[in-house]
Amino acid sequence: MCDLCSYFKKDEPFNFHRPDSKTKEVLVGKTANKYLEEFEKKIYPHAMNNSLMTAIIGQPGAGKTQLIHYIEGRSQKEKDRVSLILELKDVRIDRSYLVNYICSNNHINIYLSEYGYDLPKDKVSKEIIPIVNNSIEKIRIETKNNNVGICLLVDAVDEYIRKVKSTGSERDKVISDLLGTFMFLLNDFPRLCVVFAITNDVYVEFKEVLKEASPGRRFLFISDKNGEPLRLERLDEEETQMMVSKYLNIWSQRNANLPMLPNTATNNGLNIFPFTPDAINLFWRAGAIPGDTCMACIMALKNKIIHPHKPEKLDHLIVTKSDAAWIIKKYSGYFVNYEKESGLKKEIESLLEGDQINYELEKIAMKAMQVNSSYSDAIIEAFESYTTALGDDFRIQLGNRRKFIRDRFRIGNEYKVIDLIINFKSKNIGIQFILKNSRRDLMNKIDTLSIALKNQQIKSGLLVIESENKQFFEMAKKEIELKKPDFEDIVYRMNYINTLLTITIDESSVWCILGLHEFILGDKIKMEKYSKHLDKKLNIYNLFKQLINRGPEYFGGNVSPRRHTTDRPE
């Protein structure tokens, strides 16, 4: 296992549902930032004049818990208030419990002691209330800061309501009692702001209870532009990428630097290694809320870590779009949009099918390598079979493999061989294969294509270089440019250099093409399916479409350019 895998295994980057001391620094999304701005500008200052309650509203996973932890962390940094997080999930509250929670809380003691005020340890909570309030008033005066006070952030409200209701209480009474209990707390502490994190469903029930005059006067919502309470909802794609990047950046600060690779960088320059932007996009589309994306990222990382790999490489950690599709399919119950959007479901099914085909193609290539010592003798016929499987636009004529040609304008010139001529949409395309990084072979085959073009035996030329050597490919393009005069037809004043294209094919794809020809050719349906899938990578069909639309360049003179005659097979 590589070092990064070990770090990821020990320390998950995405603690969205239960933020820790590091991840609570993450705040992403226009809505969350809008809420925070309004909270600091209106709600909290209002509470410091007259204690009140407010709420962060959103469905589970929308970021409510993350936001209250962010507010708590911000309070610690700026020290203008003391913030306490109260989780109601495993407690049963009353007035006494809440008073005790505040007065005995370590954060209160630390905050007050920093200003020289220590709470007595020999008094009960009820007796400590006036001491806490007096201390806060003195700190407000000393610091001349009207924001000094207490912010009580209440989480897991919906779990609390469900638990109390299960004991036989009516749901509306549970909510009424809950708000009534906190109303007592507002009276006990004049500088208190209570922030509930509630779901959309709980908000509807809160609203009914708040119609009563007493709790309604002490509850204030942050509103959107339509006057409705602001709700945390779905992030957009860019915000989602930013969220993932922030979590990973915080993780890297406490573990190890993350590499920035071309395929794991967003268009905005964010590093989201080990995820590709396409993978995050698919997670975002499948899920309804930020929590879905975080959960998907955690599961995708775990899946990558448990599989064997080569420690010296990082490719094994990259979460691709296909990897994302597999996660969404396997845990489809968590992703509400998977069943809801038929287009998304079809795309995921297609990606998974493509992943399976890639696996089959790898096996075909390996088998071809085991059976053949070299592909140089068979690649011409194999490439012919491959293009034919791409569709009826490709036609093969007898005698068009290893065709002899000679410059018809020069007497006594020796014959040269063009590897393959393929008829595409009634246009002849000449193909030369460079299977070794040989400059001599390259120059000879460029010469052959220039002759065939000037003879009008082909409409366009394609130079296929089997090489992962970028330097050789760049050298080939330069050599073609230097040989531009050789593509000139001085009689008709035309230059054919623009009708020649050069591409590279990696060795594994060459073996794959050979394997398809040797082992799959007899199964027409599978041959077409596999070839078309491989062409998503090689893009040969679209390349041929470009070639037939390219024509020679007429460079002027008194002689009119001749009509090209290769629209028919020779």
Protein backbone atom coordinates (compact mmCIF):
# COMPACT_ATOMS: atom_id res chain seq x y z
CA MET A 1 0.00 0.00 0.00
CA CYS A 2 1.38 3.42 -0.96
CA ASP A 3 1.82 6.22 1.59
CA LEU A 4 -1.19 8.18 0.32
CA CYS A 5 -3.40 5.10 0.61
CA SER A 6 -2.25 4.63 4.20
CA TYR A 7 -3.04 8.25 5.03
CA PHE A 8 -6.46 8.08 3.38
CA LYS A 9 -7.23 4.85 5.22
CA LYS A 10 -6.38 6.36 8.62
CA ASP A 11 -7.94 9.76 8.05
CA GLU A 12 -10.97 10.28 5.81
CA PRO A 13 -11.05 13.75 4.22
CA PHE A 14 -14.83 14.19 4.15
CA ASN A 15 -16.36 14.52 7.64
CA PHE A 16 -19.35 16.42 6.31
CA HIS A 17 -22.04 15.02 8.61
CA ARG A 18 -19.85 15.22 11.72
CA PRO A 19 -17.27 17.97 11.23
CA ASP A 20 -14.06 17.83 13.28
CA SER A 21 -11.76 20.61 14.47
CA LYS A 22 -10.30 20.94 10.95
CA THR A 23 -13.22 20.35 8.61
CA LYS A 24 -15.46 22.79 10.45
CA GLU A 25 -13.44 25.47 8.66
CA VAL A 26 -15.22 24.53 5.40
CA LEU A 27 -18.04 26.77 4.28
CA VAL A 28 -19.12 26.40 0.67
CA GLY A 29 -22.06 27.66 -1.32
CA LYS A 30 -23.76 30.97 -1.97
CA THR A 31 -26.72 30.09 0.27
CA ALA A 32 -24.57 29.15 3.28
CA ASN A 33 -22.51 32.31 2.87
CA LYS A 34 -25.70 34.37 2.53
CA TYR A 35 -27.06 32.83 5.73
CA LEU A 36 -23.85 33.54 7.61
CA GLU A 37 -23.78 37.14 6.39
CA GLU A 38 -27.38 37.78 7.48
CA PHE A 39 -26.86 35.95 10.76
CA GLU A 40 -23.87 38.11 11.70
CA LYS A 41 -25.40 41.34 10.46
CA LYS A 42 -28.99 41.01 11.71
CA ILE A 43 -29.90 37.95 13.77
CA TYR A 44 -27.05 37.78 16.26
CA PRO A 45 -26.88 41.55 16.98
CA HIS A 46 -30.65 41.50 17.49
CA ALA A 47 -30.27 38.64 19.99
CA MET A 48 -27.68 40.59 21.93
CA ASN A 49 -30.31 43.23 22.59
CA ASN A 50 -33.12 40.78 23.29
CA SER A 51 -32.40 37.04 23.36
CA LEU A 52 -34.09 35.14 20.56
CA MET A 53 -34.23 31.90 18.56
CA THR A 54 -33.58 31.28 14.87
CA ALA A 55 -33.12 28.27 12.60
CA ILE A 56 -30.95 26.87 9.83
CA ILE A 57 -33.32 24.98 7.51
CA GLY A 58 -32.50 22.26 4.99
CA GLN A 59 -33.00 18.62 4.21
CA PRO A 60 -30.61 16.04 5.74
CA GLY A 61 -27.14 16.43 4.26
CA ALA A 62 -27.70 19.97 3.02
CA GLY A 63 -25.01 21.36 5.32
CA LYS A 64 -26.84 22.45 8.49
CA THR A 65 -24.44 20.69 10.85
CA GLN A 66 -21.48 21.92 8.85
CA LEU A 67 -22.74 25.51 9.12
CA ILE A 68 -23.30 25.43 12.89
CA HIS A 69 -19.81 24.00 13.38
CA TYR A 70 -18.45 26.75 11.14
CA ILE A 71 -20.21 29.38 13.30
CA GLU A 72 -18.80 27.73 16.44
CA GLY A 73 -15.27 27.68 14.98
CA ARG A 74 -15.57 31.28 13.86
CA SER A 75 -16.61 32.29 17.38
CA GLN A 76 -13.49 30.64 18.84
CA LYS A 77 -11.23 32.50 16.42
CA GLU A 78 -12.77 35.94 16.77
CA LYS A 79 -13.52 35.59 20.51
CA ASP A 80 -16.40 38.07 20.47
CA ARG A 81 -18.78 35.43 21.83
CA VAL A 82 -18.87 31.95 23.27
CA SER A 83 -20.56 29.35 21.09
CA LEU A 84 -21.80 25.99 22.36
CA ILE A 85 -23.04 23.07 20.27
CA LEU A 86 -25.85 21.05 21.86
CA GLU A 87 -26.77 17.74 20.22
CA LEU A 88 -30.26 16.61 21.15
CA LYS A 89 -29.94 13.15 19.63
CA ASP A 90 -29.28 11.22 22.84
CA VAL A 91 -30.75 13.49 25.52
CA ARG A 92 -34.12 14.43 27.02
CA ILE A 93 -34.17 18.12 27.90
CA ASP A 94 -35.91 20.38 30.36
CA ARG A 95 -35.13 23.83 31.72
CA SER A 96 -32.78 22.49 34.37
CA TYR A 97 -30.82 20.43 31.83
CA LEU A 98 -30.31 23.42 29.53
CA VAL A 99 -29.26 25.77 32.34
CA ASN A 100 -26.79 23.20 33.63
CA TYR A 101 -25.46 22.58 30.11
CA ILE A 102 -24.60 26.26 29.69
CA CYS A 103 -23.31 27.01 33.19
CA SER A 104 -21.12 23.91 33.48
CA ASN A 105 -19.85 23.96 29.91
CA ASN A 106 -16.08 24.08 29.66
CA HIS A 107 -16.21 26.60 26.78
CA ILE A 108 -18.04 29.08 29.06
CA ASN A 109 -15.43 28.66 31.80
CA ILE A 110 -12.51 29.08 29.39
CA TYR A 111 -14.06 32.12 27.72
CA LEU A 112 -14.83 33.95 30.95
CA SER A 113 -11.47 33.04 32.54
CA GLU A 114 -9.63 34.64 29.62
CA TYR A 115 -11.11 37.94 30.81
CA GLY A 116 -10.39 37.19 34.47
CA TYR A 117 -13.79 35.90 35.52
CA ASP A 118 -13.92 32.43 37.09
CA LEU A 119 -17.15 30.61 37.86
CA PRO A 120 -17.47 29.11 41.37
CA LYS A 121 -17.40 25.35 41.52
CA ASP A 122 -19.33 25.03 44.78
CA LYS A 123 -22.63 26.48 43.51
CA VAL A 124 -25.48 24.84 41.62
CA SER A 125 -26.24 25.96 38.06
CA LYS A 126 -29.22 28.08 39.03
CA GLU A 127 -26.99 30.14 41.32
CA ILE A 128 -24.37 30.54 38.59
CA ILE A 129 -26.80 32.12 36.07
CA PRO A 130 -26.48 35.69 37.45
CA ILE A 131 -22.70 35.28 37.71
CA VAL A 132 -22.47 34.29 34.03
CA ASN A 133 -24.74 37.17 33.01
CA ASN A 134 -22.84 39.72 35.11
CA SER A 135 -19.50 38.53 33.75
CA ILE A 136 -20.73 38.88 30.17
CA GLU A 137 -22.01 42.39 30.86
CA LYS A 138 -18.65 43.42 32.29
CA ILE A 139 -16.78 41.97 29.30
CA ARG A 140 -19.08 43.88 26.93
CA ILE A 141 -18.24 47.11 28.75
CA GLU A 142 -14.50 46.39 29.02
CA THR A 143 -14.10 45.42 25.37
CA LYS A 144 -16.69 47.90 24.09
CA ASN A 145 -18.02 45.01 22.04
CA ASN A 146 -21.79 44.65 21.85
CA ASN A 147 -21.48 41.19 20.25
CA VAL A 148 -20.19 39.56 23.42
CA GLY A 149 -22.74 36.95 24.45
CA ILE A 150 -23.70 33.28 24.14
CA CYS A 151 -24.62 31.47 20.92
CA LEU A 152 -26.26 28.07 21.54
CA LEU A 153 -26.24 25.93 18.38
CA VAL A 154 -28.76 23.10 18.63
CA ASP A 155 -28.34 20.09 16.32
CA ALA A 156 -30.20 16.80 15.73
CA VAL A 157 -33.58 18.42 16.46
CA ASP A 158 -35.51 16.10 14.13
CA GLU A 159 -33.97 13.00 15.81
CA TYR A 160 -35.00 14.40 19.21
CA ILE A 161 -38.59 14.95 18.08
CA ARG A 162 -38.82 11.42 16.68
CA LYS A 163 -37.40 9.92 19.87
CA VAL A 164 -39.73 11.82 22.23
CA LYS A 165 -42.72 11.13 19.97
CA SER A 166 -41.94 7.40 20.15
CA THR A 167 -42.74 7.54 23.88
CA GLY A 168 -46.37 8.34 23.05
CA SER A 169 -46.39 12.14 22.89
CA GLU A 170 -48.09 13.97 20.05
CA ARG A 171 -45.62 15.45 17.61
CA ASP A 172 -46.98 19.00 17.76
CA LYS A 173 -46.87 18.88 21.58
CA VAL A 174 -43.24 17.70 21.46
CA ILE A 175 -42.33 20.72 19.35
CA SER A 176 -44.40 23.09 21.50
CA ASP A 177 -42.72 21.79 24.68
CA LEU A 178 -39.29 22.04 23.05
CA LEU A 179 -39.73 25.68 22.07
CA GLY A 180 -41.33 26.47 25.42
CA THR A 181 -38.34 25.05 27.27
CA PHE A 182 -35.95 27.20 25.24
CA MET A 183 -38.19 30.21 25.88
CA PHE A 184 -37.35 29.87 29.60
CA LEU A 185 -33.70 29.83 28.66
CA LEU A 186 -34.06 33.13 26.76
CA ASN A 187 -35.44 34.68 29.94
CA ASP A 188 -32.59 33.26 32.04
CA PHE A 189 -29.86 34.60 29.73
CA PRO A 190 -30.49 38.10 28.27
CA ARG A 191 -27.52 37.84 25.85
CA LEU A 192 -28.38 34.52 24.18
CA CYS A 193 -28.94 33.48 20.58
CA VAL A 194 -30.34 29.96 20.05
CA VAL A 195 -29.84 28.48 16.57
CA PHE A 196 -31.76 25.31 15.68
CA ALA A 197 -30.68 23.09 12.79
CA ILE A 198 -33.96 21.70 11.43
CA THR A 199 -35.18 19.82 8.37
CA ASN A 200 -37.78 21.19 5.95
CA ASP A 201 -40.46 18.98 7.51
CA VAL A 202 -39.70 20.15 11.04
CA TYR A 203 -39.79 23.77 9.85
CA VAL A 204 -43.40 23.30 8.70
CA GLU A 205 -44.32 22.08 12.19
CA PHE A 206 -42.28 24.82 13.87
CA LYS A 207 -44.21 27.37 11.84
CA GLU A 208 -47.53 26.15 13.22
CA VAL A 209 -46.32 26.39 16.82
CA LEU A 210 -44.77 29.82 16.20
CA LYS A 211 -48.19 31.21 15.29
CA GLU A 212 -48.71 31.45 19.02
CA ALA A 213 -47.82 34.93 20.22
CA SER A 214 -45.29 34.09 22.90
CA PRO A 215 -42.74 31.91 21.01
CA GLY A 216 -43.44 33.73 17.74
CA ARG A 217 -42.18 37.03 19.17
CA ARG A 218 -38.86 35.46 20.15
CA PHE A 219 -38.18 33.64 16.86
CA LEU A 220 -36.62 35.30 13.82
CA PHE A 221 -35.89 33.65 10.45
CA ILE A 222 -33.42 34.73 7.80
CA SER A 223 -35.45 35.33 4.62
CA ASP A 224 -34.69 34.92 0.94
CA LYS A 225 -35.57 37.50 -1.72
CA ASN A 226 -39.18 36.26 -1.78
CA GLY A 227 -39.64 36.70 1.94
CA GLU A 228 -39.55 32.95 2.62
CA PRO A 229 -37.13 31.47 5.19
CA LEU A 230 -33.74 30.84 3.60
CA ARG A 231 -33.05 27.14 3.11
CA LEU A 232 -29.80 25.30 2.50
CA GLU A 233 -30.25 23.34 -0.68
CA ARG A 234 -28.21 21.89 -3.50
CA LEU A 235 -24.83 23.34 -4.45
CA ASP A 236 -24.13 24.07 -8.11
CA GLU A 237 -21.39 22.16 -9.92
CA GLU A 238 -18.67 24.76 -9.33
CA GLU A 239 -19.54 25.02 -5.62
CA THR A 240 -19.38 21.23 -5.34
CA GLN A 241 -15.90 21.16 -6.85
CA MET A 242 -14.85 23.91 -4.46
CA MET A 243 -16.21 21.95 -1.49
CA VAL A 244 -14.27 18.82 -2.49
CA SER A 245 -11.12 20.87 -3.05
CA LYS A 246 -11.39 22.55 0.36
CA TYR A 247 -11.82 19.25 2.19
CA LEU A 248 -8.82 17.75 0.40
CA ASN A 249 -6.71 20.84 1.01
CA ILE A 250 -7.43 20.72 4.75
CA TRP A 251 -6.68 16.99 4.74
CA SER A 252 -3.34 17.54 2.97
CA GLN A 253 -2.29 20.11 5.58
CA ARG A 254 -2.43 17.48 8.33
CA ASN A 255 -1.29 14.44 6.32
CA ALA A 256 0.62 14.76 3.04
CA ASN A 257 0.80 17.01 0.01
CA LEU A 258 -1.50 15.94 -2.80
CA PRO A 259 -0.14 15.93 -6.36
CA MET A 260 -1.85 18.13 -8.94
CA LEU A 261 -2.33 16.14 -12.13
CA PRO A 262 -3.88 17.40 -15.39
CA ASN A 263 -6.81 14.98 -15.11
CA THR A 264 -7.58 15.92 -11.47
CA ALA A 265 -7.61 19.70 -11.91
CA THR A 266 -10.81 21.66 -12.58
CA ASN A 267 -11.23 24.30 -15.28
CA ASN A 268 -10.85 26.91 -12.52
CA GLY A 269 -7.50 25.48 -11.46
CA LEU A 270 -8.72 23.70 -8.30
CA ASN A 271 -6.88 20.55 -7.28
CA ILE A 272 -9.34 17.75 -6.50
CA PHE A 273 -6.88 14.82 -6.58
CA PRO A 274 -7.62 11.93 -6.57
CA PHE A 275 -10.96 12.75 -8.25
CA THR A 276 -11.45 13.77 -11.86
CA PRO A 277 -13.86 16.66 -12.51
CA ASP A 278 -16.10 14.25 -14.47
CA ALA A 279 -16.38 11.96 -11.44
CA ILE A 280 -17.38 14.82 -9.13
CA ASN A 281 -19.84 16.05 -11.76
CA LEU A 282 -21.53 12.64 -11.81
CA PHE A 283 -21.71 12.50 -8.00
CA TRP A 284 -23.20 15.99 -8.00
CA ARG A 285 -25.83 15.11 -10.60
CA ALA A 286 -26.83 11.88 -8.86
CA GLY A 287 -27.16 13.40 -5.39
CA ALA A 288 -29.54 16.08 -4.22
CA ILE A 289 -27.33 17.63 -1.54
CA PRO A 290 -23.66 18.21 -0.58
CA GLY A 291 -23.74 15.32 1.88
CA ASP A 292 -24.43 12.90 -0.98
CA THR A 293 -21.29 14.03 -2.79
CA CYS A 294 -19.16 13.72 0.36
CA MET A 295 -20.50 10.23 1.05
CA ALA A 296 -19.84 9.19 -2.55
CA CYS A 297 -16.26 10.50 -2.35
CA ILE A 298 -15.65 8.51 0.85
CA MET A 299 -16.97 5.27 -0.70
CA ALA A 300 -15.02 5.81 -3.92
CA LEU A 301 -11.78 6.34 -1.98
CA LYS A 302 -12.35 3.23 0.13
CA ASN A 303 -12.96 1.21 -3.01
CA LYS A 304 -9.67 2.41 -4.52
CA ILE A 305 -7.65 1.70 -1.38
CA ILE A 306 -8.74 -1.94 -1.00
CA HIS A 307 -7.65 -2.94 -4.52
CA PRO A 308 -4.06 -4.05 -5.28
CA HIS A 309 -1.82 -1.64 -7.15
CA LYS A 310 1.73 -0.61 -7.89
CA PRO A 311 2.93 1.63 -5.03
CA GLU A 312 5.19 3.71 -7.27
CA LYS A 313 2.29 4.96 -9.39
CA LEU A 314 -0.62 7.26 -8.55
CA ASP A 315 -3.01 6.10 -11.29
CA HIS A 316 -4.48 3.45 -8.98
CA LEU A 317 -5.95 6.20 -6.78
CA ILE A 318 -7.61 8.23 -9.53
CA VAL A 319 -11.41 8.14 -9.26
CA THR A 320 -12.71 8.39 -12.82
CA LYS A 321 -16.19 8.93 -14.18
CA SER A 322 -16.56 5.16 -14.60
CA ASP A 323 -15.55 4.64 -10.97
CA ALA A 324 -18.17 7.20 -9.96
CA ALA A 325 -20.81 5.39 -12.02
CA TRP A 326 -19.99 2.12 -10.24
CA ILE A 327 -20.39 3.75 -6.81
CA ILE A 328 -23.71 5.36 -7.75
CA LYS A 329 -25.05 2.11 -9.18
CA LYS A 330 -23.96 0.04 -6.18
CA TYR A 331 -25.39 2.50 -3.63
CA SER A 332 -28.24 3.76 -5.80
CA GLY A 333 -30.62 3.97 -2.83
CA TYR A 334 -28.63 6.92 -1.48
CA PHE A 335 -28.80 8.92 -4.72
CA VAL A 336 -32.30 10.27 -5.28
CA ASN A 337 -31.66 11.45 -8.84
CA TYR A 338 -30.50 8.03 -10.05
CA GLU A 339 -34.03 6.70 -10.45
CA LYS A 340 -35.61 10.12 -10.93
CA GLU A 341 -33.64 11.17 -14.04
CA SER A 342 -33.81 8.54 -16.78
CA GLY A 343 -31.06 10.23 -18.79
CA LEU A 344 -28.65 10.00 -15.87
CA LYS A 345 -29.48 6.36 -15.27
CA LYS A 346 -28.88 5.51 -18.93
CA GLU A 347 -25.56 7.36 -18.88
CA ILE A 348 -24.43 5.43 -15.81
CA GLU A 349 -25.50 2.13 -17.35
CA SER A 350 -23.58 3.05 -20.51
CA LEU A 351 -20.46 3.95 -18.50
CA LEU A 352 -20.59 0.64 -16.65
CA GLU A 353 -21.06 -1.26 -19.89
CA GLY A 354 -18.11 0.67 -21.33
CA ASP A 355 -16.04 -0.24 -18.29
CA GLN A 356 -16.82 -3.89 -18.88
CA ILE A 357 -15.91 -3.58 -22.56
CA ASN A 358 -12.61 -1.93 -21.58
CA TYR A 359 -11.89 -4.95 -19.41
CA GLU A 360 -12.70 -7.29 -22.30
CA LEU A 361 -10.52 -5.26 -24.68
CA GLU A 362 -7.61 -5.48 -22.24
CA LYS A 363 -7.96 -9.27 -22.22
CA ILE A 364 -8.12 -9.34 -26.04
CA ALA A 365 -4.95 -7.23 -26.29
CA MET A 366 -3.13 -9.46 -23.79
CA LYS A 367 -4.14 -12.57 -25.71
CA ALA A 368 -2.88 -11.02 -28.97
CA MET A 369 0.45 -10.25 -27.31
CA GLN A 370 0.77 -13.85 -26.11
CA VAL A 371 0.00 -15.34 -29.53
CA ASN A 372 2.05 -12.96 -31.70
CA SER A 373 5.69 -12.00 -31.36
CA SER A 374 5.08 -8.82 -33.38
CA TYR A 375 2.20 -6.93 -34.93
CA SER A 376 4.11 -5.34 -37.81
CA ASP A 377 3.02 -7.93 -40.41
CA ALA A 378 -0.64 -8.09 -39.39
CA ILE A 379 -1.53 -4.50 -38.49
CA ILE A 380 -2.53 -3.50 -42.04
CA GLU A 381 -5.18 -6.19 -42.40
CA ALA A 382 -6.26 -5.72 -38.76
CA PHE A 383 -6.71 -1.96 -39.20
CA GLU A 384 -8.75 -2.62 -42.33
CA SER A 385 -11.08 -4.91 -40.34
CA TYR A 386 -11.29 -2.37 -37.54
CA THR A 387 -12.37 0.51 -39.79
CA THR A 388 -14.88 -1.68 -41.64
CA ALA A 389 -16.52 -2.47 -38.29
CA LEU A 390 -17.00 1.26 -37.64
CA GLY A 391 -19.75 1.51 -40.23
CA ASP A 392 -20.86 1.26 -43.83
CA ASP A 393 -19.05 4.49 -44.73
CA PHE A 394 -15.85 2.43 -44.91
CA ARG A 395 -15.39 0.20 -47.98
CA ILE A 396 -12.46 -1.99 -48.86
CA GLN A 397 -11.38 -2.85 -52.42
CA LEU A 398 -9.29 -5.81 -53.43
CA GLY A 399 -5.68 -4.96 -54.11
CA ASN A 400 -5.62 -1.87 -51.90
CA ARG A 401 -3.23 -3.34 -49.35
CA ARG A 402 0.47 -2.68 -49.91
CA LYS A 403 -0.27 -0.99 -53.20
CA PHE A 404 2.61 -0.12 -55.52
CA ILE A 405 2.75 3.42 -56.81
CA ARG A 406 5.20 5.46 -58.86
CA ASP A 407 5.48 9.16 -59.56
CA ARG A 408 3.79 9.47 -62.95
CA PHE A 409 5.52 12.76 -63.65
CA ARG A 410 9.03 11.37 -63.32
CA ILE A 411 10.40 8.82 -65.77
CA GLY A 412 12.37 5.90 -64.36
CA ASN A 413 11.33 6.41 -60.74
CA GLU A 414 11.20 3.26 -58.63
CA TYR A 415 7.99 1.90 -57.22
CA LYS A 416 7.00 2.68 -53.67
CA VAL A 417 4.48 0.94 -51.45
CA ILE A 418 1.51 2.54 -49.73
CA ASP A 419 0.38 0.33 -46.82
CA LEU A 420 -3.38 0.65 -47.16
CA ILE A 421 -6.00 2.53 -49.15
CA ILE A 422 -9.44 2.74 -47.56
CA ASN A 423 -12.48 4.11 -49.33
CA PHE A 424 -14.48 6.34 -46.99
CA LYS A 425 -17.69 7.86 -48.32
CA SER A 426 -16.41 7.23 -51.88
CA LYS A 427 -13.12 9.04 -51.18
CA ASN A 428 -9.81 7.16 -51.16
CA ILE A 429 -7.67 7.68 -48.07
CA GLY A 430 -4.06 6.47 -48.12
CA ILE A 431 -2.64 5.17 -44.83
CA GLN A 432 0.98 4.61 -43.85
CA PHE A 433 2.00 2.95 -40.58
CA ILE A 434 5.15 3.88 -38.66
CA LEU A 435 5.67 1.08 -36.16
CA LYS A 436 9.19 1.99 -35.04
CA ASN A 437 10.72 5.32 -34.15
CA SER A 438 12.70 5.23 -37.38
CA ARG A 439 13.36 8.54 -39.11
CA ARG A 440 14.31 6.75 -42.35
CA ASP A 441 11.02 4.83 -42.40
CA LEU A 442 9.16 8.05 -41.61
CA MET A 443 10.76 9.99 -44.48
CA ASN A 444 10.13 7.17 -46.96
CA LYS A 445 6.45 6.89 -46.08
CA ILE A 446 5.92 10.66 -46.21
CA ASP A 447 7.43 10.61 -49.73
CA THR A 448 5.08 7.79 -50.73
CA LEU A 449 2.01 9.70 -49.55
CA SER A 450 3.12 12.87 -51.36
CA ILE A 451 3.44 10.89 -54.63
CA ALA A 452 0.03 9.23 -54.21
CA LEU A 453 -1.58 12.61 -53.52
CA LYS A 454 -0.01 14.29 -56.54
CA ASN A 455 -0.95 11.30 -58.70
CA GLN A 456 -4.51 11.74 -57.38
CA GLN A 457 -4.59 8.07 -56.41
CA ILE A 458 -5.84 9.17 -52.98
CA LYS A 459 -7.91 12.10 -51.79
CA SER A 460 -6.06 12.49 -48.47
CA GLY A 461 -3.29 10.84 -46.50
CA LEU A 462 -3.04 9.56 -42.94
CA LEU A 463 0.23 8.83 -41.17
CA VAL A 464 -0.35 6.49 -38.21
CA ILE A 465 2.55 6.46 -35.75
CA GLU A 466 2.65 3.73 -33.12
CA SER A 467 4.53 5.57 -30.41
CA GLU A 468 4.08 7.08 -26.99
CA ASN A 469 7.20 9.15 -27.66
CA LYS A 470 5.96 12.74 -27.95
CA GLN A 471 9.34 13.90 -29.22
CA PHE A 472 9.15 11.53 -32.20
CA PHE A 473 5.63 12.72 -32.99
CA GLU A 474 6.73 16.37 -32.88
CA MET A 475 9.72 15.51 -35.05
CA ALA A 476 7.38 13.85 -37.57
CA LYS A 477 5.25 17.00 -37.82
CA LYS A 478 8.35 19.14 -38.36
CA GLU A 479 9.64 16.79 -41.08
CA ILE A 480 6.31 17.00 -42.91
CA GLU A 481 6.46 20.79 -42.77
CA LEU A 482 10.03 20.76 -44.11
CA LYS A 483 8.93 18.52 -46.99
CA LYS A 484 6.14 20.87 -48.00
CA PRO A 485 7.76 21.53 -51.42
CA ASP A 486 7.56 17.78 -52.16
CA PHE A 487 3.77 18.03 -51.99
CA GLU A 488 3.61 20.65 -54.73
CA ASP A 489 2.18 19.87 -58.15
CA ILE A 490 3.99 22.55 -60.14
CA VAL A 491 2.02 21.85 -63.32
CA TYR A 492 -1.38 22.52 -61.79
CA ARG A 493 0.03 24.78 -59.04
CA MET A 494 -1.45 22.89 -56.13
CA ASN A 495 0.04 21.84 -52.83
CA TYR A 496 -1.32 18.74 -51.06
CA ILE A 497 0.33 19.25 -47.66
CA ASN A 498 -3.03 20.18 -46.04
CA THR A 499 -4.56 16.85 -47.07
CA LEU A 500 -2.16 14.89 -44.84
CA LEU A 501 -2.82 14.25 -41.15
CA THR A 502 -0.63 12.56 -38.55
CA ILE A 503 -1.85 10.67 -35.47
CA THR A 504 -0.29 8.51 -32.78
CA ILE A 505 -1.70 5.24 -31.43
CA ASP A 506 -0.36 3.71 -28.24
CA GLU A 507 0.98 0.18 -28.30
CA SER A 508 -1.86 -1.31 -26.23
CA SER A 509 -4.42 -0.01 -28.75
CA VAL A 510 -2.44 -1.53 -31.63
CA TRP A 511 -2.47 -4.91 -29.88
CA CYS A 512 -6.17 -4.44 -29.23
CA ILE A 513 -6.89 -3.80 -32.93
CA LEU A 514 -4.86 -6.89 -33.81
CA GLY A 515 -6.71 -8.96 -31.20
CA LEU A 516 -10.11 -7.85 -32.49
CA HIS A 517 -9.11 -8.95 -35.98
CA GLU A 518 -7.80 -12.33 -34.85
CA PHE A 519 -10.34 -13.34 -32.20
CA ILE A 520 -13.56 -11.30 -32.61
CA LEU A 521 -13.88 -10.75 -36.39
CA GLY A 522 -16.18 -13.76 -36.80
CA ASP A 523 -18.74 -12.25 -34.40
CA LYS A 524 -20.02 -9.26 -36.39
CA ILE A 525 -22.17 -7.78 -33.62
CA LYS A 526 -19.41 -7.96 -31.00
CA MET A 527 -16.79 -6.76 -33.50
CA GLU A 528 -18.84 -3.64 -34.26
CA LYS A 529 -19.62 -3.02 -30.59
CA TYR A 530 -16.02 -3.36 -29.42
CA SER A 531 -14.57 -1.41 -32.35
CA LYS A 532 -16.95 1.51 -31.89
CA HIS A 533 -16.18 1.58 -28.19
CA LEU A 534 -12.43 1.61 -28.87
CA ASP A 535 -12.97 4.41 -31.36
CA LYS A 536 -14.21 6.66 -28.56
CA LYS A 537 -10.55 6.68 -27.57
CA LEU A 538 -8.89 6.58 -31.01
CA ASN A 539 -11.40 8.83 -32.83
CA ILE A 540 -10.59 7.28 -36.24
CA TYR A 541 -14.08 7.78 -37.68
CA ASN A 542 -14.08 11.52 -36.99
CA LEU A 543 -10.54 11.75 -38.31
CA PHE A 544 -11.65 10.30 -41.65
CA LYS A 545 -14.48 12.83 -41.77
CA GLN A 546 -11.90 15.57 -41.41
CA LEU A 547 -9.72 14.06 -44.12
CA ILE A 548 -12.38 13.97 -46.82
CA ASN A 549 -13.15 17.64 -46.18
CA ARG A 550 -9.55 18.69 -46.71
CA GLY A 551 -8.44 19.73 -50.17
CA PRO A 552 -5.19 20.84 -51.84
CA GLU A 553 -4.16 24.47 -51.69
CA TYR A 554 -4.08 26.30 -55.05
CA PHE A 555 -1.16 28.71 -55.07
CA GLY A 556 -1.99 30.77 -58.16
CA GLY A 557 -0.80 31.15 -61.77
CA ASN A 558 -2.23 31.14 -65.26
CA VAL A 559 -3.23 27.48 -65.24
CA SER A 560 -6.59 26.57 -63.70
CA PRO A 561 -6.46 23.90 -61.01
CA ARG A 562 -7.51 20.47 -62.20
CA ARG A 563 -10.51 18.70 -60.82
CA HIS A 564 -9.67 16.02 -58.28
CA THR A 565 -10.55 12.59 -59.63
CA THR A 566 -10.29 10.29 -56.65
CA ASP A 567 -14.00 10.27 -55.88
CA ARG A 568 -14.11 6.75 -57.23
CA PRO A 569 -12.03 3.76 -56.14
CA GLU A 570 -9.05 3.02 -58.39
